[in-house]
Amino acid sequence: VKLVDMPGVATKGDQKIINEAATRLQKRFPDMFKQSQQCRSPHLNIDNLRDALFGAEIIKKHGLKTPKQLVDWMMAQNDTLAHHFQNEDNHKKVNKSALNKAI
């Protein structure tokens, strides 16, 4: 059981925002999500994503109030990372196979 799912840990509002946002991403990018909780980058497991978002307190830190705002925030973070790793100097810092999958 993930921390986000433990009774009394996350508020119902935060759970709803996180769950809906994660589900929207999964529907939008189904090939990026895997069933295994031990999947490797660039793939995601929806439960691990939900738990990471909760554990990092993304909703609180960024004042997000809706699933759409959380999805928009995640997409912006993804764009930032994409630009960072498209820089030739940063290609040397990551595994070539993982980079090709991510791009």
C-alpha atoms as a PDB file:
ATOM      1  CA  VAL A   1       0.000   0.000   0.000  1.00  0.00           C
ATOM      2  CA  LYS A   2       1.366   3.378  -1.002  1.00  0.00           C
ATOM      3  CA  LEU A   3       1.577   6.216   1.510  1.00  0.00           C
ATOM      4  CA  VAL A   4      -0.891   8.301  -0.494  1.00  0.00           C
ATOM      5  CA  ASP A   5      -3.455   5.515  -0.059  1.00  0.00           C
ATOM      6  CA  MET A   6      -3.019   5.050   3.687  1.00  0.00           C
ATOM      7  CA  PRO A   7      -6.112   6.088   5.646  1.00  0.00           C
ATOM      8  CA  GLY A   8      -5.750   9.491   7.242  1.00  0.00           C
ATOM      9  CA  VAL A   9      -2.452  10.370   5.556  1.00  0.00           C
ATOM     10  CA  ALA A  10      -3.502  12.318   2.464  1.00  0.00           C
ATOM     11  CA  THR A  11      -6.581  14.496   2.430  1.00  0.00           C
ATOM     12  CA  LYS A  12      -9.463  13.376   0.234  1.00  0.00           C
ATOM     13  CA  GLY A  13      -8.971  16.519  -1.848  1.00  0.00           C
ATOM     14  CA  ASP A  14      -5.287  15.826  -2.453  1.00  0.00           C
ATOM     15  CA  GLN A  15      -6.024  12.187  -3.269  1.00  0.00           C
ATOM     16  CA  LYS A  16      -8.650  13.232  -5.791  1.00  0.00           C
ATOM     17  CA  ILE A  17      -6.332  15.724  -7.501  1.00  0.00           C
ATOM     18  CA  ILE A  18      -3.434  13.258  -7.626  1.00  0.00           C
ATOM     19  CA  ASN A  19      -5.528  10.284  -8.747  1.00  0.00           C
ATOM     20  CA  GLU A  20      -7.329  12.194 -11.483  1.00  0.00           C
ATOM     21  CA  ALA A  21      -4.151  13.838 -12.756  1.00  0.00           C
ATOM     22  CA  ALA A  22      -2.281  10.525 -12.872  1.00  0.00           C
ATOM     23  CA  THR A  23      -5.192   8.864 -14.665  1.00  0.00           C
ATOM     24  CA  ARG A  24      -5.334  11.690 -17.220  1.00  0.00           C
ATOM     25  CA  LEU A  25      -1.634  11.276 -17.943  1.00  0.00           C
ATOM     26  CA  GLN A  26      -2.013   7.529 -18.259  1.00  0.00           C
ATOM     27  CA  LYS A  27      -4.874   7.951 -20.738  1.00  0.00           C
ATOM     28  CA  ARG A  28      -2.930  10.565 -22.686  1.00  0.00           C
ATOM     29  CA  PHE A  29       0.327   8.575 -22.800  1.00  0.00           C
ATOM     30  CA  PRO A  30      -0.617   4.906 -22.341  1.00  0.00           C
ATOM     31  CA  ASP A  31       2.660   3.597 -23.780  1.00  0.00           C
ATOM     32  CA  MET A  32       4.614   5.343 -21.029  1.00  0.00           C
ATOM     33  CA  PHE A  33       2.867   3.468 -18.216  1.00  0.00           C
ATOM     34  CA  LYS A  34       3.717  -0.057 -17.122  1.00  0.00           C
ATOM     35  CA  GLN A  35       2.070  -2.407 -14.632  1.00  0.00           C
ATOM     36  CA  SER A  36       5.325  -3.204 -12.858  1.00  0.00           C
ATOM     37  CA  GLN A  37       6.207  -0.992  -9.920  1.00  0.00           C
ATOM     38  CA  GLN A  38       9.832  -1.669 -10.786  1.00  0.00           C
ATOM     39  CA  CYS A  39       9.660  -0.413 -14.370  1.00  0.00           C
ATOM     40  CA  ARG A  40      12.642   1.515 -15.679  1.00  0.00           C
ATOM     41  CA  SER A  41      12.847   5.024 -17.047  1.00  0.00           C
ATOM     42  CA  PRO A  42      11.382   6.472 -19.101  1.00  0.00           C
ATOM     43  CA  HIS A  43       8.340   4.386 -18.151  1.00  0.00           C
ATOM     44  CA  LEU A  44       6.097   5.065 -15.184  1.00  0.00           C
ATOM     45  CA  ASN A  45       3.939   3.054 -12.860  1.00  0.00           C
ATOM     46  CA  ILE A  46       0.783   4.951 -11.955  1.00  0.00           C
ATOM     47  CA  ASP A  47       0.947   4.005  -8.265  1.00  0.00           C
ATOM     48  CA  ASN A  48       4.582   5.076  -7.998  1.00  0.00           C
ATOM     49  CA  LEU A  49       3.746   8.351  -9.754  1.00  0.00           C
ATOM     50  CA  ARG A  50       0.856   9.042  -7.392  1.00  0.00           C
ATOM     51  CA  ASP A  51       2.986   8.276  -4.360  1.00  0.00           C
ATOM     52  CA  ALA A  52       5.886  10.410  -5.602  1.00  0.00           C
ATOM     53  CA  LEU A  53       3.594  13.380  -6.227  1.00  0.00           C
ATOM     54  CA  PHE A  54       2.170  13.046  -2.735  1.00  0.00           C
ATOM     55  CA  GLY A  55       5.516  12.467  -1.039  1.00  0.00           C
ATOM     56  CA  ALA A  56       7.081  15.485  -2.725  1.00  0.00           C
ATOM     57  CA  GLU A  57       4.125  17.638  -1.618  1.00  0.00           C
ATOM     58  CA  ILE A  58       3.765  19.027  -5.136  1.00  0.00           C
ATOM     59  CA  ILE A  59       0.175  20.144  -4.579  1.00  0.00           C
ATOM     60  CA  LYS A  60       1.069  22.091  -1.459  1.00  0.00           C
ATOM     61  CA  LYS A  61       4.369  23.526  -2.729  1.00  0.00           C
ATOM     62  CA  HIS A  62       2.840  24.865  -5.925  1.00  0.00           C
ATOM     63  CA  GLY A  63      -0.637  25.726  -4.656  1.00  0.00           C
ATOM     64  CA  LEU A  64      -2.346  23.415  -7.142  1.00  0.00           C
ATOM     65  CA  LYS A  65      -6.103  23.138  -6.731  1.00  0.00           C
ATOM     66  CA  THR A  66      -7.258  20.958  -9.638  1.00  0.00           C
ATOM     67  CA  PRO A  67      -6.161  17.844 -11.517  1.00  0.00           C
ATOM     68  CA  LYS A  68      -5.714  20.011 -14.625  1.00  0.00           C
ATOM     69  CA  GLN A  69      -3.294  22.291 -12.788  1.00  0.00           C
ATOM     70  CA  LEU A  70      -1.295  19.264 -11.652  1.00  0.00           C
ATOM     71  CA  VAL A  71      -1.212  17.808 -15.170  1.00  0.00           C
ATOM     72  CA  ASP A  72      -0.133  21.187 -16.556  1.00  0.00           C
ATOM     73  CA  TRP A  73       2.613  21.391 -13.918  1.00  0.00           C
ATOM     74  CA  MET A  74       3.855  17.880 -14.761  1.00  0.00           C
ATOM     75  CA  MET A  75       3.853  18.652 -18.489  1.00  0.00           C
ATOM     76  CA  ALA A  76       5.837  21.846 -17.865  1.00  0.00           C
ATOM     77  CA  GLN A  77       8.374  19.874 -15.819  1.00  0.00           C
ATOM     78  CA  ASN A  78       8.607  17.317 -18.602  1.00  0.00           C
ATOM     79  CA  ASP A  79       9.235  20.063 -21.169  1.00  0.00           C
ATOM     80  CA  THR A  80      11.972  21.531 -18.989  1.00  0.00           C
ATOM     81  CA  LEU A  81      13.666  18.146 -18.697  1.00  0.00           C
ATOM     82  CA  ALA A  82      13.297  17.501 -22.421  1.00  0.00           C
ATOM     83  CA  HIS A  83      15.062  20.757 -23.268  1.00  0.00           C
ATOM     84  CA  HIS A  84      17.760  20.029 -20.718  1.00  0.00           C
ATOM     85  CA  PHE A  85      18.546  16.587 -22.099  1.00  0.00           C
ATOM     86  CA  GLN A  86      18.345  17.644 -25.735  1.00  0.00           C
ATOM     87  CA  ASN A  87      21.402  19.797 -25.075  1.00  0.00           C
ATOM     88  CA  GLU A  88      24.377  17.921 -26.574  1.00  0.00           C
ATOM     89  CA  ASP A  89      26.523  18.483 -23.469  1.00  0.00           C
ATOM     90  CA  ASN A  90      24.012  16.598 -21.349  1.00  0.00           C
ATOM     91  CA  HIS A  91      23.886  13.561 -23.645  1.00  0.00           C
ATOM     92  CA  LYS A  92      27.103  12.326 -22.043  1.00  0.00           C
ATOM     93  CA  LYS A  93      25.480  12.293 -18.595  1.00  0.00           C
ATOM     94  CA  VAL A  94      22.755   9.756 -19.357  1.00  0.00           C
ATOM     95  CA  ASN A  95      22.505   6.235 -20.661  1.00  0.00           C
ATOM     96  CA  LYS A  96      22.141   6.365 -24.470  1.00  0.00           C
ATOM     97  CA  SER A  97      19.396   3.745 -24.538  1.00  0.00           C
ATOM     98  CA  ALA A  98      17.344   5.578 -21.895  1.00  0.00           C
ATOM     99  CA  LEU A  99      17.860   8.889 -23.685  1.00  0.00           C
ATOM    100  CA  ASN A 100      16.664   7.479 -27.009  1.00  0.00           C
ATOM    101  CA  LYS A 101      13.557   6.044 -25.355  1.00  0.00           C
ATOM    102  CA  ALA A 102      12.822   9.350 -23.645  1.00  0.00           C
ATOM    103  CA  ILE A 103      13.192  11.434 -26.800  1.00  0.00           C
END
